């Protein structure tokens, strides 16, 4: 899976106006109803925030990642420090008392606040913050520039705490952690703006070995694909069938190939029955991001496969398996979206190893240093963390949210 998967915990807000008659509903059914309602309220809050962003930044807001979007909003409305959308549908707007670092006029700032108020339909509250979103993004990027296998391995903005979470390799000694903290301060990041936490470096792993799935052609999203490299034979998952520059094929993870962020080898992909289903044809090089001895950085750990007959992949369908199993029970249509998921939102994926699984988004736009299982590493920018240790496993790589 291209997205990072971490374990986190969430509290479910009780329903304020639940029906008294629950005799026909079991405990799991009630929990599902609560999750569905909170998910709907979260989606509406997220949609209102999107309307406010478009009112201030135009349609370009739809294609920005969450951190850059918030930073642009802080440029228009100085002090803007991000949204926290609660499960009851109320949004919390963080506002920092910060100097106006732009040429924005007082009237433009007032217009920005008015646009937010109209779009949010008064369904929000304001709480103070220390740093605005532009400052936090600057601190996040500076911290990630120090990423190494034995140092910083991930950075992310926590809008609730108004801090930058800096994850370091859990194998560091106390002395090394103290030295790292000093490095961060020397990089111009206020000590109070950082939360240091240990973690394990994420590894981009396909699964070696024989297939446990054998989906017939055409392959839909979530089906197994097989490929070989100098390191052995591997399996990953179809992300989504797609058309790129008029050519039909499908997307999977960049690390499901001979080399991450490169088409040098042009890795060949096959169906579980051995049928040729395409070759890696697009996998852009990583751009320089101040990380020495890496393959560079990108916002998408993805590659494009093409070159096989169009009928080898089932366009527009995602496989759905039985509960926590691998038997396909149905398919659903692909409904693409340009928007990023939001914290608390329930997301799902189907992959060849764990089937269809769901989880809640714990963090968005995490910059992470990822190991490629061959001694190298690369930067995966603006990744998503899901609050489930069972959401994905090796071989699910490539499956789409």
Protein backbone atom coordinates (compact mmCIF):
# COMPACT_ATOMS: atom_id res chain seq x y z
CA UNK A 1 0.00 0.00 0.00
CA UNK A 2 1.41 3.37 -0.94
CA UNK A 3 -0.08 5.05 2.10
CA UNK A 4 1.69 4.72 5.42
CA UNK A 5 -0.15 2.66 8.02
CA UNK A 6 0.23 3.42 11.72
CA UNK A 7 -1.73 2.52 14.83
CA UNK A 8 -3.64 5.31 16.51
CA UNK A 9 -6.72 5.61 18.70
CA UNK A 10 -9.90 7.61 18.41
CA UNK A 11 -12.83 8.35 20.67
CA UNK A 12 -16.31 8.06 19.19
CA UNK A 13 -18.57 10.95 20.19
CA UNK A 14 -21.87 9.63 21.63
CA UNK A 15 -25.03 10.50 19.75
CA UNK A 16 -26.77 13.45 21.38
CA UNK A 17 -30.22 12.56 20.03
CA UNK A 18 -30.21 8.79 19.66
CA UNK A 19 -33.55 7.02 19.32
CA UNK A 20 -34.78 5.44 22.53
CA UNK A 21 -36.02 2.28 20.80
CA UNK A 22 -32.94 0.19 20.13
CA UNK A 23 -34.39 -3.25 20.79
CA UNK A 24 -33.98 -4.28 17.16
CA UNK A 25 -30.34 -3.24 16.96
CA UNK A 26 -27.39 -5.17 18.32
CA UNK A 27 -24.26 -3.63 19.83
CA UNK A 28 -22.29 -3.91 16.56
CA UNK A 29 -25.23 -2.47 14.62
CA UNK A 30 -25.42 0.54 16.96
CA UNK A 31 -21.69 1.06 16.64
CA UNK A 32 -22.02 0.95 12.86
CA UNK A 33 -24.87 3.49 13.01
CA UNK A 34 -22.77 5.82 15.18
CA UNK A 35 -19.81 5.48 12.82
CA UNK A 36 -22.02 6.16 9.80
CA UNK A 37 -23.52 9.28 11.37
CA UNK A 38 -20.19 10.66 12.56
CA UNK A 39 -18.73 9.93 9.14
CA UNK A 40 -21.55 11.84 7.47
CA UNK A 41 -21.14 14.83 9.80
CA UNK A 42 -17.38 14.83 9.28
CA UNK A 43 -17.85 14.74 5.52
CA UNK A 44 -20.21 17.73 5.66
CA UNK A 45 -17.78 19.71 7.82
CA UNK A 46 -14.95 18.89 5.44
CA UNK A 47 -17.11 19.95 2.49
CA UNK A 48 -17.92 23.30 4.13
CA UNK A 49 -14.23 23.94 4.71
CA UNK A 50 -13.62 23.16 1.04
CA UNK A 51 -16.21 25.73 0.01
CA UNK A 52 -14.46 28.34 2.18
CA UNK A 53 -11.08 27.48 0.65
CA UNK A 54 -12.42 27.77 -2.90
CA UNK A 55 -14.04 31.11 -2.05
CA UNK A 56 -10.61 32.46 -1.05
CA UNK A 57 -8.25 30.64 -3.42
CA UNK A 58 -10.40 29.61 -6.37
CA UNK A 59 -10.48 26.14 -7.94
CA UNK A 60 -6.73 25.75 -7.37
CA UNK A 61 -7.66 24.88 -3.78
CA UNK A 62 -8.99 21.52 -5.00
CA UNK A 63 -5.57 20.34 -6.16
CA UNK A 64 -3.45 21.46 -3.20
CA UNK A 65 -2.33 19.07 -0.52
CA UNK A 66 -3.72 19.86 2.96
CA UNK A 67 -0.57 21.53 4.29
CA UNK A 68 -0.03 23.78 1.29
CA UNK A 69 -3.75 24.65 1.25
CA UNK A 70 -3.61 25.75 4.89
CA UNK A 71 -0.43 27.75 4.25
CA UNK A 72 -2.07 29.56 1.33
CA UNK A 73 -5.09 30.31 3.52
CA UNK A 74 -2.75 31.74 6.19
CA UNK A 75 -1.33 34.04 3.52
CA UNK A 76 -4.84 35.31 2.80
CA UNK A 77 -6.11 35.29 6.38
CA UNK A 78 -3.07 35.93 8.63
CA UNK A 79 -3.21 33.78 11.73
CA UNK A 80 -5.06 30.89 10.06
CA UNK A 81 -3.71 27.74 11.73
CA UNK A 82 -5.95 25.02 10.29
CA UNK A 83 -9.23 23.22 10.85
CA UNK A 84 -10.11 20.40 13.24
CA UNK A 85 -13.36 18.74 12.19
CA UNK A 86 -15.16 17.04 15.08
CA UNK A 87 -17.39 14.00 14.80
CA UNK A 88 -20.45 16.02 15.84
CA UNK A 89 -20.11 18.16 12.70
CA UNK A 90 -18.67 21.20 14.45
CA UNK A 91 -15.35 22.50 13.15
CA UNK A 92 -12.66 24.15 15.25
CA UNK A 93 -10.75 26.98 13.57
CA UNK A 94 -7.29 27.52 15.02
CA UNK A 95 -6.13 31.16 14.83
CA UNK A 96 -2.71 32.46 15.80
CA UNK A 97 -1.79 36.00 16.75
CA UNK A 98 0.88 36.46 14.16
CA UNK A 99 2.38 39.42 12.37
CA UNK A 100 1.12 40.03 8.86
CA UNK A 101 3.95 38.64 6.73
CA UNK A 102 2.20 39.37 3.44
CA UNK A 103 0.92 42.38 1.59
CA UNK A 104 -2.65 41.39 2.35
CA UNK A 105 -4.74 44.46 3.12
CA UNK A 106 -7.08 44.80 6.07
CA UNK A 107 -10.08 44.70 3.74
CA UNK A 108 -8.84 41.48 2.12
CA UNK A 109 -8.33 39.90 5.51
CA UNK A 110 -11.84 40.90 6.55
CA UNK A 111 -13.21 39.49 3.31
CA UNK A 112 -11.39 36.22 4.01
CA UNK A 113 -12.87 35.89 7.48
CA UNK A 114 -16.32 36.72 6.06
CA UNK A 115 -15.93 34.03 3.39
CA UNK A 116 -15.04 31.45 6.04
CA UNK A 117 -18.03 32.45 8.16
CA UNK A 118 -20.48 32.20 5.26
CA UNK A 119 -19.18 28.87 4.03
CA UNK A 120 -19.11 27.25 7.46
CA UNK A 121 -22.71 28.29 8.20
CA UNK A 122 -21.70 29.25 11.77
CA UNK A 123 -20.95 25.56 12.47
CA UNK A 124 -17.52 26.35 13.85
CA UNK A 125 -15.74 27.68 16.90
CA UNK A 126 -12.41 29.51 17.16
CA UNK A 127 -9.57 28.56 19.49
CA UNK A 128 -6.17 30.28 19.88
CA UNK A 129 -2.90 28.94 18.49
CA UNK A 130 0.75 29.93 18.69
CA UNK A 131 1.83 29.36 15.09
CA UNK A 132 -0.04 29.85 11.84
CA UNK A 133 -0.12 27.27 9.05
CA UNK A 134 2.63 28.88 6.96
CA UNK A 135 4.98 28.82 9.95
CA UNK A 136 4.13 25.20 10.76
CA UNK A 137 4.74 24.11 7.16
CA UNK A 138 8.12 25.86 7.20
CA UNK A 139 9.07 24.08 10.43
CA UNK A 140 7.85 20.73 9.07
CA UNK A 141 9.95 21.04 5.90
CA UNK A 142 13.03 22.16 7.82
CA UNK A 143 12.72 19.18 10.15
CA UNK A 144 12.33 16.75 7.25
CA UNK A 145 15.46 18.12 5.61
CA UNK A 146 17.31 16.41 8.47
CA UNK A 147 15.82 13.00 7.65
CA UNK A 148 18.26 10.08 7.74
CA UNK A 149 17.89 6.36 8.41
CA UNK A 150 19.34 6.95 11.90
CA UNK A 151 17.67 10.27 12.58
CA UNK A 152 14.40 11.95 11.59
CA UNK A 153 12.18 9.51 9.71
CA UNK A 154 8.88 11.42 9.48
CA UNK A 155 7.37 14.85 10.05
CA UNK A 156 3.74 15.96 10.19
CA UNK A 157 1.65 18.92 11.33
CA UNK A 158 -0.77 18.27 14.18
CA UNK A 159 -3.47 20.94 13.90
CA UNK A 160 -5.03 20.03 17.23
CA UNK A 161 -1.84 20.63 19.22
CA UNK A 162 -0.57 23.31 16.80
CA UNK A 163 2.79 21.58 16.70
CA UNK A 164 5.03 19.71 14.26
CA UNK A 165 5.40 16.04 15.16
CA UNK A 166 8.93 14.87 14.44
CA UNK A 167 9.33 11.10 14.46
CA UNK A 168 12.85 9.78 14.99
CA UNK A 169 14.28 6.29 14.59
CA UNK A 170 13.39 4.38 17.76
CA UNK A 171 16.90 2.89 17.86
CA UNK A 172 18.50 6.25 18.70
CA UNK A 173 20.32 6.57 22.01
CA UNK A 174 19.37 9.24 24.53
CA UNK A 175 22.47 11.22 23.55
CA UNK A 176 21.55 11.04 19.86
CA UNK A 177 18.00 12.21 20.60
CA UNK A 178 19.33 15.18 22.53
CA UNK A 179 21.68 16.02 19.65
CA UNK A 180 18.80 15.78 17.21
CA UNK A 181 16.74 18.21 19.29
CA UNK A 182 19.63 20.67 19.18
CA UNK A 183 19.87 20.25 15.40
CA UNK A 184 16.20 21.11 15.02
CA UNK A 185 16.59 24.28 17.06
CA UNK A 186 19.71 25.20 15.08
CA UNK A 187 17.62 24.84 11.93
CA UNK A 188 15.46 27.70 13.14
CA UNK A 189 12.58 25.69 14.60
CA UNK A 190 11.31 26.87 18.01
CA UNK A 191 11.71 24.10 20.55
CA UNK A 192 8.14 24.63 21.74
CA UNK A 193 6.84 24.03 18.20
CA UNK A 194 8.17 20.45 18.09
CA UNK A 195 6.89 17.19 19.54
CA UNK A 196 9.59 14.51 19.36
CA UNK A 197 8.39 10.90 19.25
CA UNK A 198 10.04 7.52 18.50
CA UNK A 199 8.94 5.36 15.61
CA UNK A 200 9.92 2.56 13.28
CA UNK A 201 11.03 3.43 9.79
CA UNK A 202 8.46 2.41 7.19
CA UNK A 203 9.55 -0.20 4.66
CA UNK A 204 8.09 -0.43 1.16
CA UNK A 205 7.52 -4.18 0.98
CA UNK A 206 6.00 -6.29 -1.72
CA UNK A 207 5.44 -9.96 -0.81
CA UNK A 208 7.67 -12.76 -2.06
CA UNK A 209 6.26 -16.16 -2.87
CA UNK A 210 3.45 -18.03 -4.52
CA UNK A 211 0.07 -16.44 -5.04
CA UNK A 212 -2.76 -17.03 -2.59
CA UNK A 213 -5.17 -15.39 -5.03
CA UNK A 214 -5.99 -16.20 -8.62
CA UNK A 215 -8.35 -13.59 -10.03
CA UNK A 216 -9.33 -14.32 -13.63
CA UNK A 217 -8.88 -11.71 -16.33
CA UNK A 218 -9.78 -8.93 -16.61
CA UNK A 219 -8.14 -7.80 -13.36
CA UNK A 220 -9.98 -5.15 -11.32
CA UNK A 221 -8.56 -2.86 -8.64
CA UNK A 222 -7.34 -4.89 -5.67
CA UNK A 223 -6.33 -7.96 -7.67
CA UNK A 224 -2.89 -9.54 -7.40
CA UNK A 225 -0.11 -8.79 -9.87
CA UNK A 226 3.20 -10.65 -10.15
CA UNK A 227 6.62 -9.28 -11.10
CA UNK A 228 10.27 -10.26 -10.86
CA UNK A 229 13.42 -8.33 -9.97
CA UNK A 230 17.02 -9.26 -9.32
CA UNK A 231 16.01 -9.77 -5.69
CA UNK A 232 13.36 -12.39 -6.45
CA UNK A 233 9.71 -12.88 -7.40
CA UNK A 234 7.14 -10.54 -5.83
CA UNK A 235 3.42 -9.81 -5.70
CA UNK A 236 1.59 -6.50 -5.34
CA UNK A 237 -1.93 -5.22 -6.05
CA UNK A 238 -3.62 -3.36 -8.88
CA UNK A 239 -4.28 0.18 -7.69
CA UNK A 240 -6.78 1.38 -10.23
CA UNK A 241 -7.12 0.91 -14.01
CA UNK A 242 -6.48 4.26 -15.64
CA UNK A 243 -5.83 6.13 -18.86
CA UNK A 244 -2.67 8.23 -19.11
CA UNK A 245 -2.08 10.45 -22.17
CA UNK A 246 -4.65 8.39 -24.06
CA UNK A 247 -3.00 5.06 -23.18
CA UNK A 248 -4.89 2.52 -21.09
CA UNK A 249 -3.21 0.67 -18.24
CA UNK A 250 -3.24 0.68 -14.46
CA UNK A 251 -1.52 2.27 -11.46
CA UNK A 252 0.36 0.46 -8.72
CA UNK A 253 3.10 1.40 -6.22
CA UNK A 254 6.48 2.65 -7.43
CA UNK A 255 8.24 0.17 -5.17
CA UNK A 256 6.45 -2.69 -6.98
CA UNK A 257 9.27 -2.65 -9.53
CA UNK A 258 13.01 -3.13 -10.00
CA UNK A 259 13.78 0.40 -8.83
CA UNK A 260 11.75 3.04 -6.98
CA UNK A 261 11.18 6.33 -8.83
CA UNK A 262 12.65 5.03 -12.10
CA UNK A 263 11.58 3.22 -15.30
CA UNK A 264 15.14 2.16 -16.14
CA UNK A 265 14.31 -1.54 -15.88
CA UNK A 266 10.78 -1.32 -17.30
CA UNK A 267 9.55 -4.02 -14.93
CA UNK A 268 7.16 -6.53 -16.53
CA UNK A 269 3.86 -7.27 -14.76
CA UNK A 270 1.86 -10.49 -15.05
CA UNK A 271 -1.47 -11.81 -13.84
CA UNK A 272 -1.48 -14.70 -11.33
CA UNK A 273 -1.96 -17.12 -14.25
CA UNK A 274 1.16 -15.79 -15.96
CA UNK A 275 -0.56 -13.64 -18.60
CA UNK A 276 1.37 -10.50 -19.58
CA UNK A 277 -0.61 -7.49 -18.34
CA UNK A 278 1.82 -4.67 -19.05
CA UNK A 279 5.18 -3.08 -18.40
CA UNK A 280 6.17 -0.15 -16.17
CA UNK A 281 6.12 2.86 -18.51
CA UNK A 282 5.93 5.90 -16.23
CA UNK A 283 7.61 6.32 -12.86
CA UNK A 284 9.09 9.84 -12.53
CA UNK A 285 12.43 10.38 -10.85
CA UNK A 286 12.37 11.83 -7.37
CA UNK A 287 13.17 15.52 -7.10
CA UNK A 288 15.91 16.88 -4.87
CA UNK A 289 14.61 17.52 -1.35
CA UNK A 290 17.82 18.05 0.63
CA UNK A 291 17.95 14.39 1.68
CA UNK A 292 21.46 13.03 1.03
CA UNK A 293 21.98 9.45 -0.13
CA UNK A 294 18.34 8.92 -1.13
CA UNK A 295 16.40 8.48 -4.36
CA UNK A 296 14.82 11.90 -3.83
CA UNK A 297 11.23 12.80 -2.95
CA UNK A 298 7.80 12.60 -4.55
CA UNK A 299 4.22 13.07 -3.38
CA UNK A 300 3.10 9.79 -4.93
CA UNK A 301 4.69 6.36 -4.53
CA UNK A 302 3.10 5.28 -7.82
CA UNK A 303 3.94 4.00 -11.29
CA UNK A 304 1.91 3.43 -14.46
CA UNK A 305 1.76 0.09 -16.30
CA UNK A 306 0.73 -0.19 -19.96
CA UNK A 307 1.44 -2.13 -23.15
CA UNK A 308 -1.01 -5.02 -22.80
CA UNK A 309 -4.39 -5.45 -24.54
CA UNK A 310 -7.07 -3.20 -23.06
CA UNK A 311 -9.18 -6.18 -21.97
CA UNK A 312 -6.70 -7.40 -19.34
CA UNK A 313 -7.96 -4.87 -16.78
CA UNK A 314 -11.54 -4.10 -15.78
CA UNK A 315 -11.94 -0.34 -15.99
CA UNK A 316 -14.04 1.35 -13.36
CA UNK A 317 -14.35 -1.51 -10.85
CA UNK A 318 -12.87 -2.28 -7.43
CA UNK A 319 -13.02 -5.80 -5.98
CA UNK A 320 -14.79 -6.18 -2.63
CA UNK A 321 -14.02 -9.23 -0.50
CA UNK A 322 -15.96 -10.81 2.36
CA UNK A 323 -15.41 -9.57 5.92
CA UNK A 324 -11.66 -9.74 6.59
CA UNK A 325 -11.34 -12.46 3.96
CA UNK A 326 -10.01 -12.93 0.47
CA UNK A 327 -13.09 -14.23 -1.36
CA UNK A 328 -14.46 -11.64 -3.79
CA UNK A 329 -18.15 -11.04 -3.16
CA UNK A 330 -18.82 -8.03 -5.39
CA UNK A 331 -17.33 -5.06 -7.16
CA UNK A 332 -18.03 -1.35 -6.80
CA UNK A 333 -17.51 1.45 -9.32
CA UNK A 334 -14.42 3.65 -9.11
CA UNK A 335 -15.29 7.20 -8.14
CA UNK A 336 -12.13 9.24 -8.32
CA UNK A 337 -11.48 12.34 -6.25
CA UNK A 338 -8.84 15.06 -6.22
CA UNK A 339 -9.38 15.89 -2.57
CA UNK A 340 -7.19 14.49 0.20
CA UNK A 341 -8.78 12.49 3.01
CA UNK A 342 -9.29 14.30 6.29
CA UNK A 343 -8.42 13.26 9.84
CA UNK A 344 -11.16 11.05 11.27
CA UNK A 345 -12.55 10.05 7.89
CA UNK A 346 -13.16 6.33 7.30
CA UNK A 347 -11.33 4.98 4.26
CA UNK A 348 -11.15 1.55 2.66
CA UNK A 349 -8.90 -0.38 0.33
CA UNK A 350 -8.77 -3.81 -1.30
CA UNK A 351 -5.46 -5.63 -1.63
CA UNK A 352 -4.37 -9.18 -2.44
CA UNK A 353 -3.06 -9.95 1.06
CA UNK A 354 -5.68 -8.61 3.46
CA UNK A 355 -8.64 -8.09 1.13
CA UNK A 356 -11.07 -5.26 1.81
CA UNK A 357 -10.26 -3.44 5.05
CA UNK A 358 -11.33 -0.10 6.52
CA UNK A 359 -9.78 2.30 9.00
CA UNK A 360 -9.88 5.91 10.12
CA UNK A 361 -7.38 8.50 8.99
CA UNK A 362 -5.03 9.41 11.86
CA UNK A 363 -2.80 11.99 10.13
CA UNK A 364 -2.54 13.54 6.69
CA UNK A 365 0.35 15.00 4.73
CA UNK A 366 3.07 13.12 6.59
CA UNK A 367 6.56 13.45 5.12
CA UNK A 368 8.28 10.10 5.61
CA UNK A 369 11.61 8.49 4.85
CA UNK A 370 10.91 5.01 3.47
CA UNK A 371 13.29 2.08 3.02
CA UNK A 372 13.10 0.31 -0.35
CA UNK A 373 14.21 -3.13 0.95
CA UNK A 374 17.47 -3.02 -1.02
CA UNK A 375 19.48 -0.76 1.26
CA UNK A 376 18.20 2.48 -0.24
CA UNK A 377 15.62 5.00 0.90
CA UNK A 378 13.37 7.67 -0.55
CA UNK A 379 11.10 10.48 0.60
CA UNK A 380 7.34 9.93 0.44
CA UNK A 381 5.76 13.35 0.86
CA UNK A 382 2.22 14.06 2.06
CA UNK A 383 1.46 10.43 2.91
CA UNK A 384 -1.63 9.32 4.84
CA UNK A 385 -1.60 7.39 8.12
CA UNK A 386 -4.50 5.09 8.98
CA UNK A 387 -5.36 4.11 12.55
CA UNK A 388 -5.27 0.37 12.06
CA UNK A 389 -2.49 -2.19 12.35
CA UNK A 390 -4.46 -4.58 10.09
CA UNK A 391 -5.40 -2.14 7.31
CA UNK A 392 -2.67 -3.36 4.95
CA UNK A 393 0.23 -5.79 4.75
CA UNK A 394 3.00 -6.77 2.36
CA UNK A 395 1.51 -7.50 -1.07
CA UNK A 396 -1.25 -4.92 -0.63
CA UNK A 397 1.21 -2.37 -2.01
CA UNK A 398 -0.34 -0.42 -4.85
CA UNK A 399 -3.94 -0.75 -3.74
CA UNK A 400 -5.75 2.58 -3.73
CA UNK A 401 -7.72 4.29 -0.98
